[in-house]
Amino acid sequence: MTTVSEDRVEAGPTPAPRRRSSRSRHRSPVFDAVTPLGLTLRYLTLLVILVITVGPMLWELSTSLKSAFEDVYTATPRLLPQHPTLGNYGHVARLIPVGHFALNSVIVAALDVAGNVLGATAAGYALARLPFRGRRLLLGLFLSTLVLPGEVTIISQYQTVTRLGFGNSLLGVALPSMIGALNVLLMRNAFLSIPAELDEAAVIDGATVWQRLRYIALPGVKGTLSVIVILTFIGAWDDFLWPLLVLQSPDKLTLTVGLSYLQGALVADPRAIAAGAMIALLPVLVLFVALQRFFFRGVGEGAVKG
């Protein structure tokens, strides 16, 4: 009996079987496997997504570069133009004041970006770091606004803007989107990802709220700010329905509304319509290329605390 007990002691406890992690349990044996079949499926999936997302943009670019002698309605579509030309862009510039419309869109987008960067930053920091009565209720109100589609509140927005005296003005176009509820929540989550100990240490050192926001909080959320800048600029630049309702004077139209005149004046010329679409797309691409490194870094901010 002594020998048996000593053998059991020397052998030690039986090691428990390792539990497979949830990540390994949910892995696909086909897509995640480093095999020729797995790599082929990955690249095929990426190719399909690329065709769906980038394909229409490339087709619009190709159509805008085709000359008047090329048939854009041919039964066998051709992506590369046979006789590429930039004359369609000049034709658009002669038909409508593209530069003036683009300047109006830049003003509206700049107002929206400035309002969201300042307002969403202040509101997000208050919800994340400043204790006050009714903070959870206010957070719930912000979340509830995300449930309603924009078409539900567009009538009340129009009445509010006109009664304030901002009808038929670029400020009236920008005013409803100058602080977005989604941007406030993004900034709140980004501020929550910063360790609270840094904020508490700054309070002990006598730092004010604005000093803590400027020197401690803002340097850690630059990526999220870039995301807000890009998304706000795209939303303001591409908006069509709201500027169409607010603006009546032709000299105050934004670029998207002004380009709609091409559809009526040049129904039989899809080349000029495609050129106008590419003109509207160019500033968005330039902004994204300039801020893409901050954008991809900011997508992950606020996902993990600590």
C-alpha atoms as a PDB file:
ATOM      1  CA  MET A   1       0.000   0.000   0.000  1.00  0.00           C
ATOM      2  CA  THR A   2       2.898   2.309   0.821  1.00  0.00           C
ATOM      3  CA  THR A   3       4.452   1.654  -2.554  1.00  0.00           C
ATOM      4  CA  VAL A   4       1.236   2.414  -4.367  1.00  0.00           C
ATOM      5  CA  SER A   5       0.735   5.687  -2.483  1.00  0.00           C
ATOM      6  CA  GLU A   6       4.352   6.763  -3.092  1.00  0.00           C
ATOM      7  CA  ASP A   7       3.956   6.026  -6.781  1.00  0.00           C
ATOM      8  CA  ARG A   8       0.876   8.177  -6.870  1.00  0.00           C
ATOM      9  CA  VAL A   9       2.680  11.016  -5.072  1.00  0.00           C
ATOM     10  CA  GLU A  10       5.691  10.850  -7.352  1.00  0.00           C
ATOM     11  CA  ALA A  11       3.523  10.703 -10.442  1.00  0.00           C
ATOM     12  CA  GLY A  12       1.688  13.837  -9.364  1.00  0.00           C
ATOM     13  CA  PRO A  13      -1.791  14.901 -10.377  1.00  0.00           C
ATOM     14  CA  THR A  14      -2.975  14.071 -13.829  1.00  0.00           C
ATOM     15  CA  PRO A  15      -2.768  17.204 -15.998  1.00  0.00           C
ATOM     16  CA  ALA A  16      -6.159  18.493 -17.060  1.00  0.00           C
ATOM     17  CA  PRO A  17      -6.842  18.379 -20.772  1.00  0.00           C
ATOM     18  CA  ARG A  18      -6.340  21.684 -22.517  1.00  0.00           C
ATOM     19  CA  ARG A  19      -9.498  23.462 -23.515  1.00  0.00           C
ATOM     20  CA  ARG A  20      -9.614  24.743 -27.017  1.00  0.00           C
ATOM     21  CA  SER A  21     -10.069  28.471 -27.184  1.00  0.00           C
ATOM     22  CA  SER A  22     -13.213  29.933 -28.674  1.00  0.00           C
ATOM     23  CA  ARG A  23     -11.133  31.384 -31.501  1.00  0.00           C
ATOM     24  CA  SER A  24      -9.782  27.963 -32.485  1.00  0.00           C
ATOM     25  CA  ARG A  25     -13.243  26.404 -32.223  1.00  0.00           C
ATOM     26  CA  HIS A  26     -14.716  28.963 -34.612  1.00  0.00           C
ATOM     27  CA  ARG A  27     -11.947  28.841 -37.208  1.00  0.00           C
ATOM     28  CA  SER A  28     -12.875  27.672 -40.646  1.00  0.00           C
ATOM     29  CA  PRO A  29     -10.809  24.651 -41.739  1.00  0.00           C
ATOM     30  CA  VAL A  30     -11.032  25.856 -45.348  1.00  0.00           C
ATOM     31  CA  PHE A  31     -10.477  29.629 -45.229  1.00  0.00           C
ATOM     32  CA  ASP A  32      -7.965  29.748 -42.334  1.00  0.00           C
ATOM     33  CA  ALA A  33      -5.847  26.808 -43.417  1.00  0.00           C
ATOM     34  CA  VAL A  34      -2.563  27.768 -45.090  1.00  0.00           C
ATOM     35  CA  THR A  35      -3.180  25.512 -48.049  1.00  0.00           C
ATOM     36  CA  PRO A  36      -3.515  26.190 -51.766  1.00  0.00           C
ATOM     37  CA  LEU A  37      -7.296  25.787 -51.499  1.00  0.00           C
ATOM     38  CA  GLY A  38      -7.532  28.181 -48.523  1.00  0.00           C
ATOM     39  CA  LEU A  39      -5.397  30.847 -50.195  1.00  0.00           C
ATOM     40  CA  THR A  40      -7.365  30.518 -53.422  1.00  0.00           C
ATOM     41  CA  LEU A  41     -10.676  31.033 -51.613  1.00  0.00           C
ATOM     42  CA  ARG A  42      -9.292  34.061 -49.785  1.00  0.00           C
ATOM     43  CA  TYR A  43      -8.108  35.752 -52.950  1.00  0.00           C
ATOM     44  CA  LEU A  44     -11.317  34.901 -54.802  1.00  0.00           C
ATOM     45  CA  THR A  45     -13.354  36.462 -52.000  1.00  0.00           C
ATOM     46  CA  LEU A  46     -11.205  39.602 -52.043  1.00  0.00           C
ATOM     47  CA  LEU A  47     -11.506  39.776 -55.833  1.00  0.00           C
ATOM     48  CA  VAL A  48     -15.307  39.597 -55.695  1.00  0.00           C
ATOM     49  CA  ILE A  49     -15.431  42.345 -53.047  1.00  0.00           C
ATOM     50  CA  LEU A  50     -13.035  44.462 -55.107  1.00  0.00           C
ATOM     51  CA  VAL A  51     -15.193  44.129 -58.223  1.00  0.00           C
ATOM     52  CA  ILE A  52     -18.361  45.043 -56.327  1.00  0.00           C
ATOM     53  CA  THR A  53     -16.899  48.082 -54.556  1.00  0.00           C
ATOM     54  CA  VAL A  54     -14.316  49.488 -56.975  1.00  0.00           C
ATOM     55  CA  GLY A  55     -15.827  48.252 -60.233  1.00  0.00           C
ATOM     56  CA  PRO A  56     -18.519  50.969 -60.575  1.00  0.00           C
ATOM     57  CA  MET A  57     -15.980  53.712 -59.876  1.00  0.00           C
ATOM     58  CA  LEU A  58     -13.609  52.377 -62.541  1.00  0.00           C
ATOM     59  CA  TRP A  59     -16.490  52.136 -65.006  1.00  0.00           C
ATOM     60  CA  GLU A  60     -17.477  55.766 -64.334  1.00  0.00           C
ATOM     61  CA  LEU A  61     -13.859  56.827 -64.845  1.00  0.00           C
ATOM     62  CA  SER A  62     -13.685  54.913 -68.100  1.00  0.00           C
ATOM     63  CA  THR A  63     -16.953  56.440 -69.341  1.00  0.00           C
ATOM     64  CA  SER A  64     -15.774  59.947 -68.495  1.00  0.00           C
ATOM     65  CA  LEU A  65     -12.645  59.452 -70.626  1.00  0.00           C
ATOM     66  CA  LYS A  66     -14.423  58.074 -73.703  1.00  0.00           C
ATOM     67  CA  SER A  67     -14.745  60.304 -76.733  1.00  0.00           C
ATOM     68  CA  ALA A  68     -17.989  61.137 -78.496  1.00  0.00           C
ATOM     69  CA  PHE A  69     -17.142  58.637 -81.257  1.00  0.00           C
ATOM     70  CA  GLU A  70     -17.229  55.668 -78.858  1.00  0.00           C
ATOM     71  CA  ASP A  71     -20.486  53.884 -78.110  1.00  0.00           C
ATOM     72  CA  VAL A  72     -21.038  53.550 -74.355  1.00  0.00           C
ATOM     73  CA  TYR A  73     -24.131  51.375 -74.917  1.00  0.00           C
ATOM     74  CA  THR A  74     -22.367  48.689 -76.913  1.00  0.00           C
ATOM     75  CA  ALA A  75     -23.397  45.081 -76.341  1.00  0.00           C
ATOM     76  CA  THR A  76     -19.778  44.189 -75.572  1.00  0.00           C
ATOM     77  CA  PRO A  77     -18.693  46.632 -72.858  1.00  0.00           C
ATOM     78  CA  ARG A  78     -15.114  47.882 -72.904  1.00  0.00           C
ATOM     79  CA  LEU A  79     -13.440  49.169 -69.795  1.00  0.00           C
ATOM     80  CA  LEU A  80     -10.517  50.859 -71.535  1.00  0.00           C
ATOM     81  CA  PRO A  81     -11.476  53.754 -73.845  1.00  0.00           C
ATOM     82  CA  GLN A  82     -10.196  53.480 -77.408  1.00  0.00           C
ATOM     83  CA  HIS A  83      -9.641  57.235 -77.774  1.00  0.00           C
ATOM     84  CA  PRO A  84      -9.251  58.687 -74.241  1.00  0.00           C
ATOM     85  CA  THR A  85      -9.945  62.393 -73.868  1.00  0.00           C
ATOM     86  CA  LEU A  86     -10.409  64.971 -71.129  1.00  0.00           C
ATOM     87  CA  GLY A  87     -12.871  66.976 -73.183  1.00  0.00           C
ATOM     88  CA  ASN A  88     -15.839  65.750 -71.153  1.00  0.00           C
ATOM     89  CA  TYR A  89     -14.476  67.475 -68.044  1.00  0.00           C
ATOM     90  CA  GLY A  90     -14.119  70.736 -69.927  1.00  0.00           C
ATOM     91  CA  HIS A  91     -17.646  70.304 -71.251  1.00  0.00           C
ATOM     92  CA  VAL A  92     -18.971  70.003 -67.707  1.00  0.00           C
ATOM     93  CA  ALA A  93     -17.050  73.122 -66.623  1.00  0.00           C
ATOM     94  CA  ARG A  94     -18.622  75.088 -69.482  1.00  0.00           C
ATOM     95  CA  LEU A  95     -22.170  73.963 -68.683  1.00  0.00           C
ATOM     96  CA  ILE A  96     -22.217  74.596 -64.921  1.00  0.00           C
ATOM     97  CA  PRO A  97     -19.996  76.646 -62.571  1.00  0.00           C
ATOM     98  CA  VAL A  98     -18.223  73.644 -61.088  1.00  0.00           C
ATOM     99  CA  GLY A  99     -15.702  75.711 -59.155  1.00  0.00           C
ATOM    100  CA  HIS A 100     -18.382  77.844 -57.489  1.00  0.00           C
ATOM    101  CA  PHE A 101     -20.486  74.817 -56.553  1.00  0.00           C
ATOM    102  CA  ALA A 102     -17.402  73.032 -55.223  1.00  0.00           C
ATOM    103  CA  LEU A 103     -16.527  76.067 -53.088  1.00  0.00           C
ATOM    104  CA  ASN A 104     -20.017  76.007 -51.562  1.00  0.00           C
ATOM    105  CA  SER A 105     -19.610  72.309 -50.776  1.00  0.00           C
ATOM    106  CA  VAL A 106     -16.211  72.954 -49.202  1.00  0.00           C
ATOM    107  CA  ILE A 107     -17.724  75.658 -46.957  1.00  0.00           C
ATOM    108  CA  VAL A 108     -20.534  73.343 -45.813  1.00  0.00           C
ATOM    109  CA  ALA A 109     -18.119  70.454 -45.241  1.00  0.00           C
ATOM    110  CA  ALA A 110     -15.682  72.690 -43.328  1.00  0.00           C
ATOM    111  CA  LEU A 111     -18.467  73.921 -41.025  1.00  0.00           C
ATOM    112  CA  ASP A 112     -19.607  70.355 -40.357  1.00  0.00           C
ATOM    113  CA  VAL A 113     -16.074  69.099 -39.740  1.00  0.00           C
ATOM    114  CA  ALA A 114     -15.237  71.977 -37.384  1.00  0.00           C
ATOM    115  CA  GLY A 115     -18.498  71.571 -35.489  1.00  0.00           C
ATOM    116  CA  ASN A 116     -18.056  67.825 -35.041  1.00  0.00           C
ATOM    117  CA  VAL A 117     -14.384  68.026 -34.088  1.00  0.00           C
ATOM    118  CA  LEU A 118     -15.046  70.668 -31.422  1.00  0.00           C
ATOM    119  CA  GLY A 119     -18.548  69.719 -30.290  1.00  0.00           C
ATOM    120  CA  ALA A 120     -18.222  65.941 -30.431  1.00  0.00           C
ATOM    121  CA  THR A 121     -14.864  66.120 -28.646  1.00  0.00           C
ATOM    122  CA  ALA A 122     -16.233  68.235 -25.803  1.00  0.00           C
ATOM    123  CA  ALA A 123     -19.434  66.201 -25.462  1.00  0.00           C
ATOM    124  CA  GLY A 124     -17.621  62.872 -25.675  1.00  0.00           C
ATOM    125  CA  TYR A 125     -15.111  63.904 -23.017  1.00  0.00           C
ATOM    126  CA  ALA A 126     -17.907  65.086 -20.734  1.00  0.00           C
ATOM    127  CA  LEU A 127     -19.756  61.774 -21.072  1.00  0.00           C
ATOM    128  CA  ALA A 128     -16.594  59.770 -20.501  1.00  0.00           C
ATOM    129  CA  ARG A 129     -14.734  61.651 -17.763  1.00  0.00           C
ATOM    130  CA  LEU A 130     -16.902  64.309 -16.080  1.00  0.00           C
ATOM    131  CA  PRO A 131     -19.358  63.105 -13.427  1.00  0.00           C
ATOM    132  CA  PHE A 132     -22.674  64.974 -13.472  1.00  0.00           C
ATOM    133  CA  ARG A 133     -26.279  64.197 -12.734  1.00  0.00           C
ATOM    134  CA  GLY A 134     -28.208  62.676 -15.632  1.00  0.00           C
ATOM    135  CA  ARG A 135     -25.157  61.473 -17.554  1.00  0.00           C
ATOM    136  CA  ARG A 136     -26.661  58.038 -18.257  1.00  0.00           C
ATOM    137  CA  LEU A 137     -29.946  59.586 -19.318  1.00  0.00           C
ATOM    138  CA  LEU A 138     -28.121  61.885 -21.728  1.00  0.00           C
ATOM    139  CA  LEU A 139     -26.168  58.930 -23.097  1.00  0.00           C
ATOM    140  CA  GLY A 140     -29.429  57.074 -23.669  1.00  0.00           C
ATOM    141  CA  LEU A 141     -30.826  60.058 -25.556  1.00  0.00           C
ATOM    142  CA  PHE A 142     -27.794  60.063 -27.836  1.00  0.00           C
ATOM    143  CA  LEU A 143     -28.289  56.355 -28.501  1.00  0.00           C
ATOM    144  CA  SER A 144     -32.000  56.810 -29.181  1.00  0.00           C
ATOM    145  CA  THR A 145     -31.308  59.362 -31.923  1.00  0.00           C
ATOM    146  CA  LEU A 146     -29.376  56.720 -33.853  1.00  0.00           C
ATOM    147  CA  VAL A 147     -32.517  54.590 -34.174  1.00  0.00           C
ATOM    148  CA  LEU A 148     -34.479  57.252 -36.069  1.00  0.00           C
ATOM    149  CA  PRO A 149     -33.732  57.622 -39.786  1.00  0.00           C
ATOM    150  CA  GLY A 150     -32.928  61.077 -41.058  1.00  0.00           C
ATOM    151  CA  GLU A 151     -36.118  61.288 -43.132  1.00  0.00           C
ATOM    152  CA  VAL A 152     -38.233  61.217 -39.956  1.00  0.00           C
ATOM    153  CA  THR A 153     -36.763  64.445 -38.564  1.00  0.00           C
ATOM    154  CA  ILE A 154     -36.159  66.294 -41.814  1.00  0.00           C
ATOM    155  CA  ILE A 155     -39.419  68.289 -41.591  1.00  0.00           C
ATOM    156  CA  SER A 156     -38.720  69.471 -38.052  1.00  0.00           C
ATOM    157  CA  GLN A 157     -35.147  70.306 -39.063  1.00  0.00           C
ATOM    158  CA  TYR A 158     -36.393  72.394 -41.973  1.00  0.00           C
ATOM    159  CA  GLN A 159     -38.855  74.292 -39.773  1.00  0.00           C
ATOM    160  CA  THR A 160     -36.187  74.927 -37.146  1.00  0.00           C
ATOM    161  CA  VAL A 161     -33.638  76.184 -39.670  1.00  0.00           C
ATOM    162  CA  THR A 162     -36.107  78.498 -41.423  1.00  0.00           C
ATOM    163  CA  ARG A 163     -37.434  79.957 -38.137  1.00  0.00           C
ATOM    164  CA  LEU A 164     -33.885  80.698 -37.059  1.00  0.00           C
ATOM    165  CA  GLY A 165     -33.448  82.693 -40.251  1.00  0.00           C
ATOM    166  CA  PHE A 166     -30.909  80.359 -41.864  1.00  0.00           C
ATOM    167  CA  GLY A 167     -33.061  79.253 -44.788  1.00  0.00           C
ATOM    168  CA  ASN A 168     -31.459  79.424 -48.239  1.00  0.00           C
ATOM    169  CA  SER A 169     -27.982  79.710 -46.714  1.00  0.00           C
ATOM    170  CA  LEU A 170     -24.941  77.492 -46.471  1.00  0.00           C
ATOM    171  CA  LEU A 171     -25.034  77.761 -42.679  1.00  0.00           C
ATOM    172  CA  GLY A 172     -28.566  76.363 -42.740  1.00  0.00           C
ATOM    173  CA  VAL A 173     -27.317  73.403 -44.764  1.00  0.00           C
ATOM    174  CA  ALA A 174     -24.484  72.702 -42.333  1.00  0.00           C
ATOM    175  CA  LEU A 175     -26.293  73.414 -39.053  1.00  0.00           C
ATOM    176  CA  PRO A 176     -28.140  70.069 -38.475  1.00  0.00           C
ATOM    177  CA  SER A 177     -24.977  68.023 -39.031  1.00  0.00           C
ATOM    178  CA  MET A 178     -22.493  70.146 -37.090  1.00  0.00           C
ATOM    179  CA  ILE A 179     -22.645  67.747 -34.123  1.00  0.00           C
ATOM    180  CA  GLY A 180     -23.489  64.112 -34.863  1.00  0.00           C
ATOM    181  CA  ALA A 181     -24.657  61.758 -32.144  1.00  0.00           C
ATOM    182  CA  LEU A 182     -22.584  58.921 -33.587  1.00  0.00           C
ATOM    183  CA  ASN A 183     -19.454  61.065 -33.487  1.00  0.00           C
ATOM    184  CA  VAL A 184     -20.109  61.916 -29.829  1.00  0.00           C
ATOM    185  CA  LEU A 185     -20.350  58.222 -28.985  1.00  0.00           C
ATOM    186  CA  LEU A 186     -17.168  57.468 -30.940  1.00  0.00           C
ATOM    187  CA  MET A 187     -15.268  60.115 -29.000  1.00  0.00           C
ATOM    188  CA  ARG A 188     -16.721  58.867 -25.712  1.00  0.00           C
ATOM    189  CA  ASN A 189     -15.476  55.333 -26.377  1.00  0.00           C
ATOM    190  CA  ALA A 190     -12.079  56.656 -27.439  1.00  0.00           C
ATOM    191  CA  PHE A 191     -11.716  58.671 -24.224  1.00  0.00           C
ATOM    192  CA  LEU A 192     -12.796  55.668 -22.146  1.00  0.00           C
ATOM    193  CA  SER A 193      -9.937  53.648 -23.644  1.00  0.00           C
ATOM    194  CA  ILE A 194      -7.430  56.024 -22.006  1.00  0.00           C
ATOM    195  CA  PRO A 195      -6.489  54.875 -18.483  1.00  0.00           C
ATOM    196  CA  ALA A 196      -8.441  56.802 -15.856  1.00  0.00           C
ATOM    197  CA  GLU A 197      -5.338  56.924 -13.646  1.00  0.00           C
ATOM    198  CA  LEU A 198      -3.774  59.536 -15.922  1.00  0.00           C
ATOM    199  CA  ASP A 199      -6.800  61.778 -15.503  1.00  0.00           C
ATOM    200  CA  GLU A 200      -6.823  61.294 -11.739  1.00  0.00           C
ATOM    201  CA  ALA A 201      -3.126  62.125 -11.493  1.00  0.00           C
ATOM    202  CA  ALA A 202      -3.712  65.320 -13.463  1.00  0.00           C
ATOM    203  CA  VAL A 203      -6.523  66.290 -11.089  1.00  0.00           C
ATOM    204  CA  ILE A 204      -4.192  65.823  -8.118  1.00  0.00           C
ATOM    205  CA  ASP A 205      -1.609  68.042  -9.834  1.00  0.00           C
ATOM    206  CA  GLY A 206      -4.241  70.778 -10.170  1.00  0.00           C
ATOM    207  CA  ALA A 207      -4.965  70.524 -13.898  1.00  0.00           C
ATOM    208  CA  THR A 208      -8.232  72.031 -15.092  1.00  0.00           C
ATOM    209  CA  VAL A 209     -10.744  70.235 -17.271  1.00  0.00           C
ATOM    210  CA  TRP A 210      -9.517  71.921 -20.447  1.00  0.00           C
ATOM    211  CA  GLN A 211      -5.889  71.156 -19.581  1.00  0.00           C
ATOM    212  CA  ARG A 212      -6.691  67.494 -19.050  1.00  0.00           C
ATOM    213  CA  LEU A 213      -8.587  67.429 -22.333  1.00  0.00           C
ATOM    214  CA  ARG A 214      -5.801  69.130 -24.284  1.00  0.00           C
ATOM    215  CA  TYR A 215      -2.666  67.532 -22.858  1.00  0.00           C
ATOM    216  CA  ILE A 216      -3.853  64.068 -21.776  1.00  0.00           C
ATOM    217  CA  ALA A 217      -6.987  63.065 -23.666  1.00  0.00           C
ATOM    218  CA  LEU A 218      -6.572  64.565 -27.136  1.00  0.00           C
ATOM    219  CA  PRO A 219      -3.106  63.088 -27.919  1.00  0.00           C
ATOM    220  CA  GLY A 220      -4.547  59.598 -27.447  1.00  0.00           C
ATOM    221  CA  VAL A 221      -7.573  59.980 -29.760  1.00  0.00           C
ATOM    222  CA  LYS A 222      -6.019  61.433 -32.909  1.00  0.00           C
ATOM    223  CA  GLY A 223      -7.019  58.356 -34.875  1.00  0.00           C
ATOM    224  CA  THR A 224     -10.666  58.657 -33.877  1.00  0.00           C
ATOM    225  CA  LEU A 225     -10.619  62.349 -34.762  1.00  0.00           C
ATOM    226  CA  SER A 226      -9.342  61.426 -38.226  1.00  0.00           C
ATOM    227  CA  VAL A 227     -12.199  58.942 -38.622  1.00  0.00           C
ATOM    228  CA  ILE A 228     -14.705  61.632 -37.651  1.00  0.00           C
ATOM    229  CA  VAL A 229     -13.140  64.150 -40.042  1.00  0.00           C
ATOM    230  CA  ILE A 230     -13.288  61.754 -42.988  1.00  0.00           C
ATOM    231  CA  LEU A 231     -16.811  60.468 -42.319  1.00  0.00           C
ATOM    232  CA  THR A 232     -18.179  63.956 -41.650  1.00  0.00           C
ATOM    233  CA  PHE A 233     -16.582  65.392 -44.773  1.00  0.00           C
ATOM    234  CA  ILE A 234     -17.932  62.564 -46.933  1.00  0.00           C
ATOM    235  CA  GLY A 235     -21.412  62.920 -45.449  1.00  0.00           C
ATOM    236  CA  ALA A 236     -21.509  66.680 -45.992  1.00  0.00           C
ATOM    237  CA  TRP A 237     -19.939  66.504 -49.442  1.00  0.00           C
ATOM    238  CA  ASP A 238     -22.261  63.780 -50.761  1.00  0.00           C
ATOM    239  CA  ASP A 239     -25.489  65.039 -49.168  1.00  0.00           C
ATOM    240  CA  PHE A 240     -28.148  65.783 -51.758  1.00  0.00           C
ATOM    241  CA  LEU A 241     -31.646  65.816 -50.242  1.00  0.00           C
ATOM    242  CA  TRP A 242     -31.082  68.332 -47.443  1.00  0.00           C
ATOM    243  CA  PRO A 243     -29.290  70.996 -49.581  1.00  0.00           C
ATOM    244  CA  LEU A 244     -31.972  70.534 -52.238  1.00  0.00           C
ATOM    245  CA  LEU A 245     -34.671  71.418 -49.688  1.00  0.00           C
ATOM    246  CA  VAL A 246     -32.887  74.333 -48.014  1.00  0.00           C
ATOM    247  CA  LEU A 247     -31.283  76.108 -50.961  1.00  0.00           C
ATOM    248  CA  GLN A 248     -33.274  77.989 -53.577  1.00  0.00           C
ATOM    249  CA  SER A 249     -30.736  80.402 -55.081  1.00  0.00           C
ATOM    250  CA  PRO A 250     -28.688  78.895 -57.944  1.00  0.00           C
ATOM    251  CA  ASP A 251     -25.525  80.647 -56.764  1.00  0.00           C
ATOM    252  CA  LYS A 252     -25.709  78.881 -53.372  1.00  0.00           C
ATOM    253  CA  LEU A 253     -26.103  75.313 -54.624  1.00  0.00           C
ATOM    254  CA  THR A 254     -23.640  72.675 -53.505  1.00  0.00           C
ATOM    255  CA  LEU A 255     -21.770  70.509 -55.984  1.00  0.00           C
ATOM    256  CA  THR A 256     -24.013  67.443 -55.698  1.00  0.00           C
ATOM    257  CA  VAL A 257     -27.151  69.516 -56.287  1.00  0.00           C
ATOM    258  CA  GLY A 258     -25.502  71.476 -59.082  1.00  0.00           C
ATOM    259  CA  LEU A 259     -24.384  68.311 -60.848  1.00  0.00           C
ATOM    260  CA  SER A 260     -27.997  67.147 -60.965  1.00  0.00           C
ATOM    261  CA  TYR A 261     -28.543  69.757 -63.685  1.00  0.00           C
ATOM    262  CA  LEU A 262     -26.353  67.630 -65.942  1.00  0.00           C
ATOM    263  CA  GLN A 263     -28.937  64.873 -65.742  1.00  0.00           C
ATOM    264  CA  GLY A 264     -31.577  67.179 -67.175  1.00  0.00           C
ATOM    265  CA  ALA A 265     -29.487  69.081 -69.694  1.00  0.00           C
ATOM    266  CA  LEU A 266     -27.413  66.135 -70.913  1.00  0.00           C
ATOM    267  CA  VAL A 267     -29.670  63.106 -70.749  1.00  0.00           C
ATOM    268  CA  ALA A 268     -28.198  61.737 -73.980  1.00  0.00           C
ATOM    269  CA  ASP A 269     -24.578  62.277 -72.934  1.00  0.00           C
ATOM    270  CA  PRO A 270     -23.586  59.881 -70.133  1.00  0.00           C
ATOM    271  CA  ARG A 271     -19.919  60.819 -70.652  1.00  0.00           C
ATOM    272  CA  ALA A 272     -20.430  64.294 -69.187  1.00  0.00           C
ATOM    273  CA  ILE A 273     -22.524  62.883 -66.336  1.00  0.00           C
ATOM    274  CA  ALA A 274     -19.722  60.435 -65.519  1.00  0.00           C
ATOM    275  CA  ALA A 275     -17.187  63.285 -65.673  1.00  0.00           C
ATOM    276  CA  GLY A 276     -19.272  65.261 -63.184  1.00  0.00           C
ATOM    277  CA  ALA A 277     -19.419  62.251 -60.861  1.00  0.00           C
ATOM    278  CA  MET A 278     -15.634  61.885 -60.977  1.00  0.00           C
ATOM    279  CA  ILE A 279     -15.201  65.597 -60.217  1.00  0.00           C
ATOM    280  CA  ALA A 280     -17.328  65.139 -57.090  1.00  0.00           C
ATOM    281  CA  LEU A 281     -15.377  62.016 -56.108  1.00  0.00           C
ATOM    282  CA  LEU A 282     -11.892  63.536 -56.399  1.00  0.00           C
ATOM    283  CA  PRO A 283     -11.848  65.598 -53.133  1.00  0.00           C
ATOM    284  CA  VAL A 284     -13.026  62.581 -51.127  1.00  0.00           C
ATOM    285  CA  LEU A 285     -10.199  60.452 -52.502  1.00  0.00           C
ATOM    286  CA  VAL A 286      -7.616  63.158 -51.801  1.00  0.00           C
ATOM    287  CA  LEU A 287      -8.806  63.520 -48.203  1.00  0.00           C
ATOM    288  CA  PHE A 288      -8.804  59.782 -47.604  1.00  0.00           C
ATOM    289  CA  VAL A 289      -5.303  59.337 -49.048  1.00  0.00           C
ATOM    290  CA  ALA A 290      -4.024  62.180 -46.853  1.00  0.00           C
ATOM    291  CA  LEU A 291      -5.528  60.754 -43.643  1.00  0.00           C
ATOM    292  CA  GLN A 292      -5.588  57.027 -44.301  1.00  0.00           C
ATOM    293  CA  ARG A 293      -2.813  56.145 -41.839  1.00  0.00           C
ATOM    294  CA  PHE A 294      -4.705  57.927 -39.059  1.00  0.00           C
ATOM    295  CA  PHE A 295      -8.001  56.459 -40.231  1.00  0.00           C
ATOM    296  CA  PHE A 296      -6.979  52.820 -39.909  1.00  0.00           C
ATOM    297  CA  ARG A 297      -5.345  53.507 -36.559  1.00  0.00           C
ATOM    298  CA  GLY A 298      -8.460  55.238 -35.299  1.00  0.00           C
ATOM    299  CA  VAL A 299     -10.803  52.384 -36.207  1.00  0.00           C
ATOM    300  CA  GLY A 300      -9.405  50.348 -33.332  1.00  0.00           C
ATOM    301  CA  GLU A 301      -9.401  53.107 -30.739  1.00  0.00           C
ATOM    302  CA  GLY A 302     -11.986  52.611 -28.050  1.00  0.00           C
ATOM    303  CA  ALA A 303     -12.354  48.894 -28.750  1.00  0.00           C
ATOM    304  CA  VAL A 304     -10.236  47.823 -25.755  1.00  0.00           C
ATOM    305  CA  LYS A 305     -10.037  49.662 -22.449  1.00  0.00           C
ATOM    306  CA  GLY A 306      -6.858  50.029 -20.463  1.00  0.00           C
END
